[in-house]
Amino acid sequence: MWYYCYVLESTIDKTTYIGSTDNLKNRLKEHNSGKTKSIKHKIPMRLIYCEAYRTNTLAIKRERSLKKNSAAKKELFSRIFDE
């Protein structure tokens, strides 16, 4: 089984959301059906990036790193958005 750290982008205002899951397809459906309170006003969201990990612990560690470490987030976003 694989675990994922992912980045979504709102098609409405281009804001991003970082999360982790073991099922990207289902998680994206959940986000776009409004089940995530923090972003339900920004749907629809689209998947713009993901990383695969062998353990849930590693995926969550990466998610937390991106959320708490502005340098790590900036580095990743510079690759995603080609800045």
N, C-alpha and C. Protein backbone atom coordinates (compact mmCIF):
# COMPACT_ATOMS: atom_id res chain seq x y z
N MET A 1 0.84 -1.18 0.00
CA MET A 1 0.00 0.00 0.00
C MET A 1 0.89 1.25 0.00
N TRP A 2 0.44 2.26 -0.71
CA TRP A 2 1.14 3.54 -0.77
C TRP A 2 0.35 4.60 -0.02
N TYR A 3 1.08 5.57 0.49
CA TYR A 3 0.49 6.72 1.18
C TYR A 3 0.99 7.97 0.47
N TYR A 4 0.17 8.99 0.46
CA TYR A 4 0.48 10.16 -0.36
C TYR A 4 0.41 11.46 0.44
N CYS A 5 1.32 12.35 0.12
CA CYS A 5 1.25 13.74 0.52
C CYS A 5 0.87 14.47 -0.77
N TYR A 6 -0.12 15.34 -0.71
CA TYR A 6 -0.62 15.94 -1.94
C TYR A 6 -0.87 17.44 -1.78
N VAL A 7 -0.95 18.11 -2.91
CA VAL A 7 -1.29 19.53 -2.95
C VAL A 7 -2.47 19.70 -3.90
N LEU A 8 -3.49 20.38 -3.41
CA LEU A 8 -4.65 20.71 -4.22
C LEU A 8 -4.64 22.21 -4.48
N GLU A 9 -5.28 22.59 -5.58
CA GLU A 9 -5.43 24.01 -5.89
C GLU A 9 -6.89 24.29 -6.19
N SER A 10 -7.39 25.38 -5.63
CA SER A 10 -8.75 25.81 -5.90
C SER A 10 -8.83 26.37 -7.31
N THR A 11 -9.81 25.94 -8.07
CA THR A 11 -10.00 26.49 -9.40
C THR A 11 -10.69 27.86 -9.33
N ILE A 12 -11.16 28.22 -8.15
CA ILE A 12 -11.84 29.50 -7.96
C ILE A 12 -10.83 30.63 -7.71
N ASP A 13 -9.94 30.43 -6.73
CA ASP A 13 -9.04 31.52 -6.36
C ASP A 13 -7.56 31.14 -6.34
N LYS A 14 -7.24 29.93 -6.80
CA LYS A 14 -5.86 29.46 -6.92
C LYS A 14 -5.15 29.25 -5.58
N THR A 15 -5.89 29.25 -4.46
CA THR A 15 -5.27 28.93 -3.18
C THR A 15 -4.99 27.44 -3.14
N THR A 16 -4.06 27.05 -2.27
CA THR A 16 -3.64 25.65 -2.20
C THR A 16 -4.00 25.03 -0.86
N TYR A 17 -4.06 23.70 -0.86
CA TYR A 17 -4.32 22.91 0.33
C TYR A 17 -3.36 21.73 0.30
N ILE A 18 -2.72 21.46 1.43
CA ILE A 18 -1.78 20.34 1.55
C ILE A 18 -2.39 19.31 2.48
N GLY A 19 -2.32 18.03 2.09
CA GLY A 19 -2.86 16.97 2.91
C GLY A 19 -2.14 15.66 2.68
N SER A 20 -2.61 14.61 3.35
CA SER A 20 -2.07 13.27 3.15
C SER A 20 -3.21 12.26 3.21
N THR A 21 -3.01 11.13 2.53
CA THR A 21 -4.06 10.12 2.44
C THR A 21 -3.49 8.81 1.93
N ASP A 22 -4.26 7.75 2.02
CA ASP A 22 -3.88 6.49 1.40
C ASP A 22 -4.69 6.23 0.13
N ASN A 23 -5.62 7.15 -0.19
CA ASN A 23 -6.44 6.98 -1.39
C ASN A 23 -6.73 8.35 -2.01
N LEU A 24 -5.91 8.73 -2.96
CA LEU A 24 -6.02 10.07 -3.56
C LEU A 24 -7.36 10.30 -4.25
N LYS A 25 -7.82 9.32 -4.99
CA LYS A 25 -9.06 9.47 -5.74
C LYS A 25 -10.24 9.75 -4.81
N ASN A 26 -10.35 8.95 -3.76
CA ASN A 26 -11.45 9.14 -2.81
C ASN A 26 -11.31 10.44 -2.04
N ARG A 27 -10.08 10.78 -1.66
CA ARG A 27 -9.86 12.00 -0.89
C ARG A 27 -10.22 13.24 -1.72
N LEU A 28 -9.87 13.24 -2.99
CA LEU A 28 -10.23 14.36 -3.85
C LEU A 28 -11.75 14.48 -3.98
N LYS A 29 -12.43 13.34 -4.09
CA LYS A 29 -13.90 13.35 -4.14
C LYS A 29 -14.47 13.94 -2.85
N GLU A 30 -13.89 13.55 -1.70
CA GLU A 30 -14.36 14.09 -0.41
C GLU A 30 -14.18 15.60 -0.36
N HIS A 31 -13.00 16.07 -0.76
CA HIS A 31 -12.77 17.52 -0.76
C HIS A 31 -13.78 18.22 -1.65
N ASN A 32 -14.00 17.71 -2.83
CA ASN A 32 -14.89 18.38 -3.78
C ASN A 32 -16.37 18.22 -3.47
N SER A 33 -16.69 17.35 -2.53
CA SER A 33 -18.09 17.24 -2.10
C SER A 33 -18.35 18.10 -0.87
N GLY A 34 -17.34 18.85 -0.43
CA GLY A 34 -17.51 19.78 0.70
C GLY A 34 -17.31 19.18 2.07
N LYS A 35 -16.70 18.01 2.17
CA LYS A 35 -16.53 17.34 3.46
C LYS A 35 -15.37 17.91 4.29
N THR A 36 -14.54 18.77 3.68
CA THR A 36 -13.45 19.40 4.41
C THR A 36 -13.85 20.86 4.66
N LYS A 37 -14.21 21.15 5.92
CA LYS A 37 -14.77 22.46 6.25
C LYS A 37 -13.87 23.62 5.86
N SER A 38 -12.56 23.45 6.04
CA SER A 38 -11.64 24.57 5.81
C SER A 38 -11.55 24.99 4.35
N ILE A 39 -11.94 24.13 3.43
CA ILE A 39 -11.83 24.49 2.02
C ILE A 39 -13.13 24.33 1.23
N LYS A 40 -14.21 24.00 1.90
CA LYS A 40 -15.44 23.73 1.14
C LYS A 40 -15.94 24.95 0.37
N HIS A 41 -15.59 26.14 0.82
CA HIS A 41 -15.99 27.35 0.10
C HIS A 41 -15.07 27.65 -1.09
N LYS A 42 -14.04 26.82 -1.29
CA LYS A 42 -13.08 27.01 -2.38
C LYS A 42 -13.20 25.95 -3.47
N ILE A 43 -14.16 25.04 -3.35
CA ILE A 43 -14.28 23.97 -4.34
C ILE A 43 -14.87 24.51 -5.63
N PRO A 44 -14.51 23.91 -6.74
CA PRO A 44 -13.77 22.65 -6.88
C PRO A 44 -12.26 22.84 -6.74
N MET A 45 -11.63 21.75 -6.27
CA MET A 45 -10.19 21.68 -6.11
C MET A 45 -9.66 20.70 -7.15
N ARG A 46 -8.41 20.93 -7.57
CA ARG A 46 -7.78 19.98 -8.49
C ARG A 46 -6.43 19.57 -7.93
N LEU A 47 -6.08 18.32 -8.15
CA LEU A 47 -4.79 17.80 -7.71
C LEU A 47 -3.69 18.38 -8.60
N ILE A 48 -2.69 19.03 -7.98
CA ILE A 48 -1.61 19.59 -8.78
C ILE A 48 -0.27 18.93 -8.48
N TYR A 49 -0.19 18.16 -7.37
CA TYR A 49 1.08 17.52 -7.03
C TYR A 49 0.84 16.43 -5.99
N CYS A 50 1.63 15.36 -6.07
CA CYS A 50 1.61 14.35 -5.01
C CYS A 50 2.95 13.65 -4.93
N GLU A 51 3.24 13.13 -3.75
CA GLU A 51 4.42 12.33 -3.49
C GLU A 51 3.95 11.04 -2.84
N ALA A 52 4.55 9.92 -3.22
CA ALA A 52 4.16 8.61 -2.68
C ALA A 52 5.18 8.15 -1.64
N TYR A 53 4.67 7.55 -0.57
CA TYR A 53 5.50 7.05 0.52
C TYR A 53 5.07 5.64 0.89
N ARG A 54 6.00 4.88 1.41
CA ARG A 54 5.72 3.50 1.82
C ARG A 54 4.96 3.40 3.14
N THR A 55 5.05 4.45 3.97
CA THR A 55 4.36 4.42 5.26
C THR A 55 3.53 5.68 5.45
N ASN A 56 2.47 5.54 6.20
CA ASN A 56 1.62 6.68 6.53
C ASN A 56 2.41 7.70 7.35
N THR A 57 3.27 7.22 8.21
CA THR A 57 4.08 8.10 9.05
C THR A 57 4.92 9.06 8.21
N LEU A 58 5.53 8.54 7.15
CA LEU A 58 6.35 9.40 6.28
C LEU A 58 5.51 10.41 5.52
N ALA A 59 4.34 10.01 5.05
CA ALA A 59 3.46 10.93 4.33
C ALA A 59 2.99 12.05 5.25
N ILE A 60 2.62 11.71 6.47
CA ILE A 60 2.18 12.72 7.44
C ILE A 60 3.34 13.63 7.83
N LYS A 61 4.51 13.06 7.99
CA LYS A 61 5.70 13.86 8.31
C LYS A 61 5.96 14.89 7.23
N ARG A 62 5.85 14.50 5.98
CA ARG A 62 6.06 15.43 4.86
C ARG A 62 4.97 16.49 4.84
N GLU A 63 3.71 16.09 5.04
CA GLU A 63 2.61 17.05 5.08
C GLU A 63 2.86 18.10 6.16
N ARG A 64 3.21 17.67 7.35
CA ARG A 64 3.47 18.60 8.45
C ARG A 64 4.66 19.50 8.17
N SER A 65 5.67 18.93 7.53
CA SER A 65 6.85 19.72 7.17
C SER A 65 6.46 20.85 6.22
N LEU A 66 5.66 20.54 5.23
CA LEU A 66 5.25 21.56 4.26
C LEU A 66 4.35 22.61 4.90
N LYS A 67 3.53 22.20 5.85
CA LYS A 67 2.63 23.15 6.50
C LYS A 67 3.36 24.04 7.49
N LYS A 68 4.41 23.53 8.14
CA LYS A 68 5.10 24.28 9.19
C LYS A 68 6.40 24.93 8.75
N ASN A 69 6.99 24.46 7.68
CA ASN A 69 8.30 24.94 7.25
C ASN A 69 8.13 25.74 5.96
N SER A 70 8.17 27.04 6.09
CA SER A 70 7.92 27.88 4.92
C SER A 70 8.99 27.70 3.84
N ALA A 71 10.23 27.39 4.22
CA ALA A 71 11.28 27.18 3.22
C ALA A 71 11.00 25.93 2.40
N ALA A 72 10.55 24.85 3.05
CA ALA A 72 10.23 23.61 2.34
C ALA A 72 9.05 23.83 1.40
N LYS A 73 8.05 24.54 1.88
CA LYS A 73 6.87 24.83 1.05
C LYS A 73 7.26 25.71 -0.13
N LYS A 74 8.07 26.72 0.12
CA LYS A 74 8.51 27.61 -0.95
C LYS A 74 9.30 26.84 -2.02
N GLU A 75 10.18 25.94 -1.58
CA GLU A 75 10.98 25.15 -2.52
C GLU A 75 10.08 24.26 -3.36
N LEU A 76 9.13 23.59 -2.74
CA LEU A 76 8.21 22.73 -3.48
C LEU A 76 7.37 23.54 -4.46
N PHE A 77 6.81 24.63 -3.99
CA PHE A 77 5.95 25.44 -4.85
C PHE A 77 6.73 26.06 -6.00
N SER A 78 8.01 26.35 -5.80
CA SER A 78 8.79 26.87 -6.91
C SER A 78 8.95 25.81 -8.01
N ARG A 79 8.99 24.53 -7.62
CA ARG A 79 9.04 23.46 -8.61
C ARG A 79 7.68 23.26 -9.27
N ILE A 80 6.62 23.29 -8.48
CA ILE A 80 5.28 23.07 -9.02
C ILE A 80 4.89 24.19 -9.98
N PHE A 81 5.10 25.41 -9.56
CA PHE A 81 4.63 26.56 -10.32
C PHE A 81 5.71 27.16 -11.20
N ASP A 82 6.88 26.53 -11.23
CA ASP A 82 7.98 26.93 -12.12
C ASP A 82 8.33 28.40 -11.93
N GLU A 83 8.46 28.80 -10.66
CA GLU A 83 8.75 30.21 -10.36
C GLU A 83 10.24 30.45 -10.31
